[in-house]
């Protein structure tokens, strides 16, 4: 069995990156909200606003999909560090190899992005802002 030191170092590195992805997702949400209000103030076309929100929503879904890969590896490392899976423990520093070996192809990657986009913590605030655009357009 590999030294826990390598797994610990990998966990520390990945946990920091996992948190950075969370900050990135929150920044994308903030940009979406600010651009929504700026577009409303400037009287931008509703289709342009919807397109902008859709692109940001997809960008966050991609970001969260990347983050989930790190999360899966973190859970593996935690199991190994906790001794729960020592018989099947792998090697440290194999994040990309493990991802490559489990790759689902282009369709699988797109399905992962769609699944991430549908998570409530990702869909908010985009769905609310898109609904506001639609309602504002319908009432105008």
Protein backbone atom coordinates (compact mmCIF):
# COMPACT_ATOMS: atom_id res chain seq x y z
CA UNK A 1 0.00 0.00 0.00
CA UNK A 2 1.18 3.48 -0.87
CA UNK A 3 2.18 5.95 1.79
CA UNK A 4 -0.64 8.01 3.23
CA UNK A 5 1.62 11.04 2.79
CA UNK A 6 1.13 11.04 -0.99
CA UNK A 7 -2.64 10.63 -0.64
CA UNK A 8 -2.72 13.39 1.96
CA UNK A 9 -0.78 15.74 -0.31
CA UNK A 10 -3.12 14.96 -3.20
CA UNK A 11 -6.17 15.53 -0.98
CA UNK A 12 -4.85 18.92 0.20
CA UNK A 13 -4.14 20.00 -3.37
CA UNK A 14 -7.47 18.82 -4.77
CA UNK A 15 -9.48 20.27 -1.88
CA UNK A 16 -7.99 23.70 -2.55
CA UNK A 17 -8.84 23.39 -6.23
CA UNK A 18 -12.34 22.15 -5.38
CA UNK A 19 -12.94 25.31 -3.35
CA UNK A 20 -11.57 27.48 -6.18
CA UNK A 21 -14.13 25.96 -8.56
CA UNK A 22 -16.83 26.92 -6.06
CA UNK A 23 -15.57 30.51 -6.01
CA UNK A 24 -15.46 30.50 -9.82
CA UNK A 25 -19.09 29.33 -9.97
CA UNK A 26 -20.16 32.08 -7.60
CA UNK A 27 -18.30 34.65 -9.70
CA UNK A 28 -20.12 33.46 -12.83
CA UNK A 29 -23.45 33.84 -10.99
CA UNK A 30 -22.51 37.35 -9.91
CA UNK A 31 -21.56 38.29 -13.48
CA UNK A 32 -24.90 36.93 -14.69
CA UNK A 33 -26.88 39.00 -12.19
CA UNK A 34 -24.88 42.17 -12.90
CA UNK A 35 -25.17 41.74 -16.66
CA UNK A 36 -28.91 41.06 -16.32
CA UNK A 37 -29.46 44.36 -14.52
CA UNK A 38 -27.11 46.24 -16.84
CA UNK A 39 -28.95 44.82 -19.86
CA UNK A 40 -32.30 45.78 -18.36
CA UNK A 41 -31.07 49.29 -17.60
CA UNK A 42 -29.72 49.66 -21.15
CA UNK A 43 -32.88 48.20 -22.68
CA UNK A 44 -31.10 45.30 -24.38
CA UNK A 45 -33.07 42.96 -26.58
CA UNK A 46 -34.66 40.08 -24.62
CA UNK A 47 -33.17 37.46 -26.93
CA UNK A 48 -29.69 38.83 -26.36
CA UNK A 49 -30.21 38.75 -22.60
CA UNK A 50 -31.51 35.17 -22.77
CA UNK A 51 -28.54 34.14 -24.90
CA UNK A 52 -26.12 35.78 -22.47
CA UNK A 53 -27.75 34.06 -19.49
CA UNK A 54 -27.74 30.73 -21.32
CA UNK A 55 -24.03 30.99 -22.08
CA UNK A 56 -23.21 31.84 -18.46
CA UNK A 57 -25.44 29.01 -17.23
CA UNK A 58 -23.61 26.57 -19.49
CA UNK A 59 -20.24 27.96 -18.42
CA UNK A 60 -21.11 27.36 -14.78
CA UNK A 61 -22.34 23.85 -15.60
CA UNK A 62 -18.99 23.10 -17.23
CA UNK A 63 -17.17 24.51 -14.21
CA UNK A 64 -19.27 22.40 -11.83
CA UNK A 65 -18.69 19.29 -13.95
CA UNK A 66 -14.94 19.79 -13.63
CA UNK A 67 -15.42 20.34 -9.90
CA UNK A 68 -17.39 17.11 -9.58
CA UNK A 69 -14.46 15.17 -11.04
CA UNK A 70 -12.29 16.56 -8.27
CA UNK A 71 -15.01 15.70 -5.77
CA UNK A 72 -15.11 12.09 -6.92
CA UNK A 73 -11.36 11.80 -6.50
CA UNK A 74 -11.52 13.48 -3.08
CA UNK A 75 -14.08 10.91 -1.93
CA UNK A 76 -11.79 8.12 -3.13
CA UNK A 77 -8.86 9.61 -1.27
CA UNK A 78 -10.90 10.06 1.88
CA UNK A 79 -11.94 6.40 1.77
CA UNK A 80 -8.32 5.34 1.36
CA UNK A 81 -7.09 7.70 4.07
CA UNK A 82 -9.83 6.50 6.39
CA UNK A 83 -8.83 2.90 5.81
CA UNK A 84 -12.25 1.94 4.44
CA UNK A 85 -10.95 0.71 1.11
CA UNK A 86 -7.36 -0.31 1.67
CA UNK A 87 -7.73 -3.56 -0.26
CA UNK A 88 -8.77 -1.73 -3.42
CA UNK A 89 -6.74 1.42 -2.89
CA UNK A 90 -5.09 2.88 -5.94
CA UNK A 91 -2.09 5.10 -6.38
CA UNK A 92 -1.87 8.75 -5.48
CA UNK A 93 -1.69 11.45 -8.14
CA UNK A 94 -3.81 9.58 -10.70
CA UNK A 95 -6.59 12.12 -11.24
CA UNK A 96 -6.18 12.47 -15.01
CA UNK A 97 -5.45 8.79 -15.60
CA UNK A 98 -8.60 7.84 -13.71
CA UNK A 99 -10.63 10.39 -15.69
CA UNK A 100 -9.20 9.15 -18.98
CA UNK A 101 -9.94 5.54 -18.10
CA UNK A 102 -13.55 6.40 -17.23
CA UNK A 103 -14.16 8.75 -20.16
CA UNK A 104 -17.64 8.55 -21.65
CA UNK A 105 -16.97 10.23 -25.01
CA UNK A 106 -18.47 13.44 -26.36
CA UNK A 107 -22.09 12.42 -25.76
CA UNK A 108 -21.31 11.43 -22.18
CA UNK A 109 -19.49 14.70 -21.57
CA UNK A 110 -22.46 16.69 -22.91
CA UNK A 111 -24.78 14.63 -20.70
CA UNK A 112 -22.59 15.46 -17.70
CA UNK A 113 -22.79 19.18 -18.55
CA UNK A 114 -26.59 18.95 -18.90
CA UNK A 115 -26.89 17.11 -15.58
CA UNK A 116 -24.77 19.77 -13.88
CA UNK A 117 -26.86 22.55 -15.41
CA UNK A 118 -30.05 20.99 -14.03
CA UNK A 119 -28.81 20.88 -10.44
CA UNK A 120 -30.75 23.47 -8.39
CA UNK A 121 -27.58 25.03 -7.01
CA UNK A 122 -26.40 25.64 -10.58
CA UNK A 123 -29.76 26.56 -12.12
CA UNK A 124 -30.22 29.37 -9.63
CA UNK A 125 -30.21 32.29 -10.50
CA UNK A 126 -30.27 31.64 -14.26
CA UNK A 127 -33.74 30.09 -14.37
CA UNK A 128 -35.13 32.95 -12.26
CA UNK A 129 -33.49 35.60 -14.45
CA UNK A 130 -34.68 33.92 -17.65
CA UNK A 131 -38.20 33.77 -16.23
CA UNK A 132 -37.96 37.48 -15.40
CA UNK A 133 -36.95 38.24 -19.01
CA UNK A 134 -39.83 36.17 -20.37
CA UNK A 135 -42.37 37.74 -18.01
CA UNK A 136 -41.09 41.26 -18.70
CA UNK A 137 -41.30 40.64 -22.44
CA UNK A 138 -44.81 39.16 -22.16
CA UNK A 139 -46.06 42.06 -20.05
CA UNK A 140 -44.52 44.74 -22.26
